[in-house]
Protein backbone atom coordinates (compact mmCIF):
# COMPACT_ATOMS: atom_id res chain seq x y z
CA MET A 1 11.28 99.81 2.89
CA PRO A 2 8.02 100.26 4.83
CA THR A 3 7.10 97.52 7.25
CA ARG A 4 3.87 95.57 6.82
CA ARG A 5 1.03 96.69 9.06
CA ARG A 6 -0.11 94.03 11.52
CA PHE A 7 -3.64 94.34 12.82
CA THR A 8 -4.36 93.89 16.50
CA ARG A 9 -6.96 91.49 17.80
CA ARG A 10 -9.14 94.41 18.74
CA GLU A 11 -9.02 95.78 15.21
CA LEU A 12 -9.78 92.36 13.73
CA SER A 13 -12.69 91.87 16.11
CA THR A 14 -14.31 94.98 14.62
CA LEU A 15 -15.28 92.88 11.60
CA PHE A 16 -17.31 90.55 13.84
CA THR A 17 -18.69 92.92 16.50
CA SER A 18 -20.11 95.72 14.36
CA ARG A 19 -23.91 95.59 14.10
CA MET A 20 -23.73 97.46 10.82
CA LEU A 21 -21.37 94.90 9.28
CA TRP A 22 -23.50 92.00 10.51
CA ALA A 23 -26.52 93.55 8.82
CA ILE A 24 -24.54 93.67 5.59
CA TYR A 25 -23.41 90.07 6.05
CA ILE A 26 -27.01 88.93 6.60
CA GLY A 27 -28.07 90.77 3.47
CA GLN A 28 -25.41 89.04 1.40
CA TYR A 29 -26.27 85.66 2.92
CA SER A 30 -29.93 86.16 2.00
CA ILE A 31 -29.11 87.14 -1.58
CA THR A 32 -26.91 84.06 -1.96
CA ALA A 33 -29.66 81.83 -0.59
CA LEU A 34 -32.06 83.19 -3.22
CA THR A 35 -29.44 82.66 -5.90
CA TYR A 36 -28.80 79.03 -5.04
CA ILE A 37 -32.41 77.90 -5.21
CA PHE A 38 -32.44 79.08 -8.80
CA ILE A 39 -29.27 77.28 -9.81
CA THR A 40 -29.95 74.07 -7.87
CA TRP A 41 -33.59 73.22 -7.09
CA PHE A 42 -35.67 75.44 -9.38
CA PRO A 43 -35.13 73.33 -12.53
CA ILE A 44 -35.92 70.17 -10.53
CA HIS A 45 -39.09 71.81 -9.23
CA LEU A 46 -40.24 72.59 -12.77
CA ILE A 47 -39.60 69.03 -13.94
CA GLU A 48 -40.90 67.04 -10.99
CA GLU A 49 -43.81 69.16 -9.74
CA ARG A 50 -44.73 71.19 -12.81
CA GLY A 51 -44.27 68.43 -15.35
CA MET A 52 -42.10 70.37 -17.79
CA ASN A 53 -39.75 68.49 -20.08
CA VAL A 54 -36.02 69.05 -19.90
CA MET A 55 -35.85 70.98 -23.16
CA THR A 56 -38.52 73.44 -22.04
CA VAL A 57 -36.89 73.89 -18.64
CA GLY A 58 -33.61 74.76 -20.35
CA PHE A 59 -35.25 77.80 -21.94
CA VAL A 60 -37.51 78.71 -19.05
CA VAL A 61 -34.80 78.94 -16.39
CA ALA A 62 -33.00 81.52 -18.53
CA LEU A 63 -35.82 84.02 -18.01
CA PRO A 64 -35.24 84.57 -14.24
CA ALA A 65 -31.50 84.86 -14.93
CA ILE A 66 -32.12 87.61 -17.50
CA CYS A 67 -34.38 89.40 -15.03
CA GLY A 68 -31.73 89.10 -12.32
CA PHE A 69 -29.10 90.54 -14.65
CA SER A 70 -31.38 93.48 -15.48
CA GLY A 71 -32.18 94.05 -11.80
CA GLY A 72 -28.52 94.12 -10.88
CA ILE A 73 -27.74 96.89 -13.37
CA LEU A 74 -30.86 98.86 -12.45
CA GLY A 75 -30.04 98.65 -8.73
CA GLY A 76 -26.63 100.19 -9.29
CA LEU A 77 -28.04 102.91 -11.55
CA LEU A 78 -30.74 103.77 -9.02
CA SER A 79 -28.28 103.95 -6.14
CA ASP A 80 -25.88 106.23 -8.04
CA PHE A 81 -28.79 108.39 -9.23
CA LEU A 82 -29.90 108.96 -5.65
CA ILE A 83 -26.38 109.95 -4.59
CA ARG A 84 -26.15 112.43 -7.47
CA ARG A 85 -29.44 113.95 -6.32
CA GLY A 86 -27.93 114.56 -2.88
CA ALA A 87 -29.30 111.56 -1.00
CA SER A 88 -27.27 110.12 1.85
CA VAL A 89 -25.28 106.94 1.36
CA SER A 90 -27.71 105.10 3.64
CA LEU A 91 -30.76 106.12 1.60
CA ALA A 92 -29.04 105.52 -1.73
CA ARG A 93 -27.91 102.00 -0.79
CA LYS A 94 -30.91 100.90 1.24
CA THR A 95 -33.56 101.97 -1.26
CA PRO A 96 -32.74 99.47 -4.05
CA PHE A 97 -31.98 96.81 -1.45
CA MET A 98 -35.31 97.17 0.37
CA ILE A 99 -37.34 97.29 -2.84
CA GLY A 100 -35.44 94.33 -4.26
CA MET A 101 -35.81 92.14 -1.19
CA LEU A 102 -39.51 92.98 -1.02
CA LEU A 103 -39.90 91.78 -4.61
CA ALA A 104 -37.81 88.70 -3.82
CA THR A 105 -40.31 87.62 -1.17
CA ALA A 106 -42.74 87.04 -4.06
CA ILE A 107 -41.19 83.58 -4.27
CA MET A 108 -43.34 82.67 -1.25
CA ALA A 109 -46.40 82.97 -3.51
CA ALA A 110 -45.03 80.42 -5.98
CA PRO A 111 -46.86 77.45 -4.37
CA LEU A 112 -50.14 79.25 -5.09
CA ALA A 113 -49.44 79.47 -8.84
CA SER A 114 -51.81 77.26 -10.79
CA THR A 115 -50.10 77.44 -14.18
CA ASN A 116 -46.55 77.10 -15.42
CA THR A 117 -46.69 80.62 -16.82
CA ALA A 118 -47.59 82.00 -13.41
CA ILE A 119 -44.75 80.17 -11.68
CA VAL A 120 -42.22 81.46 -14.21
CA VAL A 121 -43.50 85.04 -13.84
CA ILE A 122 -43.32 84.86 -10.04
CA MET A 123 -39.82 83.40 -10.04
CA SER A 124 -38.65 85.95 -12.61
CA LEU A 125 -40.01 88.78 -10.45
CA ALA A 126 -38.26 87.34 -7.38
CA PHE A 127 -34.97 87.00 -9.23
CA PHE A 128 -35.28 90.55 -10.58
CA GLY A 129 -35.70 91.73 -7.00
CA LYS A 130 -32.70 89.71 -5.92
CA GLY A 131 -30.61 91.41 -8.59
CA LEU A 132 -31.93 94.84 -7.64
CA ALA A 133 -30.86 94.24 -4.05
CA ALA A 134 -27.37 93.01 -4.95
CA ILE A 135 -25.79 96.24 -3.76
CA GLY A 136 -23.74 94.64 -0.98
CA TRP A 137 -20.28 95.23 -2.46
CA ALA A 138 -21.02 98.94 -2.92
CA VAL A 139 -22.22 99.15 0.69
CA LEU A 140 -19.12 97.37 1.96
CA SER A 141 -16.83 99.73 0.04
CA ASP A 142 -18.63 102.63 1.75
CA VAL A 143 -18.33 101.38 5.33
CA ALA A 144 -15.35 99.02 5.62
CA PRO A 145 -12.22 100.30 7.42
CA ARG A 146 -9.90 101.66 4.75
CA GLU A 147 -6.97 99.75 6.21
CA MET A 148 -8.91 96.46 6.07
CA THR A 149 -10.92 96.73 2.86
CA GLY A 150 -9.60 93.49 1.40
CA LEU A 151 -10.06 91.50 4.60
CA SER A 152 -13.53 92.97 5.10
CA GLY A 153 -14.46 91.86 1.61
CA GLY A 154 -13.18 88.37 2.32
CA VAL A 155 -15.27 88.05 5.49
CA PHE A 156 -18.31 89.49 3.71
CA ASN A 157 -17.95 87.11 0.79
CA GLY A 158 -17.17 84.10 2.99
CA ILE A 159 -20.18 84.54 5.25
CA GLY A 160 -22.42 85.17 2.26
CA ASN A 161 -21.25 82.06 0.45
CA THR A 162 -22.07 79.80 3.39
CA ALA A 163 -25.65 80.11 2.13
CA GLY A 164 -24.52 78.20 -0.93
CA ILE A 165 -23.75 75.27 1.39
CA VAL A 166 -26.63 75.54 3.82
CA THR A 167 -29.54 76.40 1.51
CA PRO A 168 -29.39 73.43 -0.92
CA VAL A 169 -28.99 71.00 2.00
CA ILE A 170 -31.98 72.39 3.91
CA ILE A 171 -34.13 72.48 0.77
CA GLY A 172 -33.23 68.88 0.01
CA TYR A 173 -34.15 67.83 3.53
CA VAL A 174 -37.48 69.71 3.42
CA VAL A 175 -38.42 68.28 0.04
CA ALA A 176 -37.47 64.74 1.11
CA SER A 177 -39.40 64.97 4.37
CA THR A 178 -42.55 66.70 3.05
CA GLY A 179 -42.63 65.48 -0.54
CA SER A 180 -43.28 69.06 -1.72
CA PHE A 181 -41.39 72.22 -2.63
CA ASP A 182 -43.92 74.50 -0.93
CA ARG A 183 -42.14 74.85 2.42
CA ALA A 184 -38.79 75.06 0.69
CA LEU A 185 -40.00 78.08 -1.27
CA TRP A 186 -41.37 79.66 1.91
CA PHE A 187 -38.05 79.04 3.62
CA VAL A 188 -36.10 80.79 0.86
CA GLY A 189 -38.60 83.66 0.70
CA ALA A 190 -38.18 84.22 4.43
CA HIS A 191 -34.58 85.23 3.72
CA GLY A 192 -35.94 88.34 2.01
CA ILE A 193 -37.82 89.30 5.17
CA ALA A 194 -34.72 88.68 7.30
CA ALA A 195 -32.63 90.87 4.99
CA ILE A 196 -35.16 93.73 5.14
CA LEU A 197 -35.15 93.61 8.94
CA ALA A 198 -31.34 93.52 9.00
CA TYR A 199 -30.93 96.61 6.81
CA GLY A 200 -33.91 98.43 8.32
CA LEU A 201 -33.40 97.78 12.04
CA LEU A 202 -29.94 96.34 12.67
CA ALA A 203 -27.69 98.32 10.34
CA GLY A 204 -28.42 101.89 11.36
CA PRO A 205 -26.91 104.69 9.23
CA PHE A 206 -24.16 103.56 6.90
CA LYS A 207 -20.87 105.25 7.77
CA ARG A 208 -17.18 104.47 7.47
CA ILE A 209 -15.71 102.44 10.34
CA GLN A 210 -12.60 104.23 11.60
CA LEU A 211 -9.75 102.35 13.25
CA LYS A 212 -7.81 104.18 15.96
CA ALA A 213 -4.54 105.54 14.62
CA ARG A 214 -1.49 103.63 15.81
CA LEU A 215 1.85 105.25 16.55
CA PRO A 216 4.91 103.96 14.71
CA ARG A 217 6.96 101.41 16.65
CA ALA A 218 9.78 103.88 17.35
CA ALA A 219 7.32 106.42 18.73
CA ARG A 220 5.68 103.80 20.94
CA GLN A 221 9.08 102.78 22.34
CA ASP A 222 9.97 106.43 23.00
CA ARG A 223 6.68 106.95 24.84
CA GLN A 224 7.30 103.83 26.90
CA SER A 225 10.81 104.97 27.84
CA ARG A 226 9.44 108.30 29.01
CA ARG A 227 6.82 106.63 31.15
CA GLU A 228 9.32 104.33 32.95
CA PRO A 229 10.80 107.00 35.33
CA ALA A 230 7.31 108.13 36.33
CA LEU A 231 6.27 104.55 36.97
CA TRP A 232 9.43 103.98 39.09
CA LEU A 233 8.74 107.07 41.19
CA SER A 234 5.10 106.09 41.75
CA ALA A 235 6.24 102.64 42.88
CA THR A 236 8.82 104.05 45.34
CA ALA A 237 7.67 103.91 48.97
CA PRO A 238 7.07 107.31 50.65
CA SER A 239 9.28 106.30 53.57
CA GLN A 240 12.24 105.75 51.23
CA LEU A 241 11.71 109.18 49.69
CA GLN A 242 11.53 110.79 53.17
CA SER A 243 14.70 109.01 54.37
CA SER A 244 16.61 110.09 51.30
CA ASP A 245 15.38 113.66 51.90
CA VAL A 246 16.71 113.52 55.50
CA LEU A 247 20.13 112.38 54.31
CA VAL A 248 20.29 115.23 51.84
CA ARG A 249 19.38 117.78 54.53
CA SER A 250 21.90 116.38 57.05
CA SER A 251 24.67 116.52 54.51
CA VAL A 252 23.82 120.16 53.90
């Protein structure tokens, strides 16, 4: 029965020291932040600042969700299309992400909307972009160490989901302290800019992270046993070697 592979600290640290992985984590965090404003504060914004009734809001908030769903499918289709046309993995994954995050920053224009129709159109465009950029799991499957795919996914998902804790709290604080959603929308839109910078400048080319091959335990023990005589000889004093050589010669 094969023994379970145990990862070393150095191998585990790869998940937290790779610039490329941190760029992917930041991208997922930003997408989650954009998601949570829609499922937490957006309906409240429409009711309190835009004066919509609850029944209308129930229908209106479905429109950005439909756009996000459509963007998610289109992002995957576009990425696979580029790969079939011979594009590199980096180009195929970054293209829908960059376009999507650029569209998602449209949420920063929401405070300028003068009508309810305009605000719904802007938010739908932003959520479509968020869906288009939701390519993170495909990127992770391309670059994560094969031996640590599951653990890499857990770290990726865990870091991304912290935005679901942080974002609603910060938005609530901003709204309570300013009495307006304007800065909260700017704050969320800034995540799109941060994600673009992460993928464009921090990530570099997407490529598989390779862990150094480890010898089986029996082979490592055999190598260690072979090294022990050499280590003993190197630790032996030259004078002791010379005296033993004199004894051998005298006996001859």
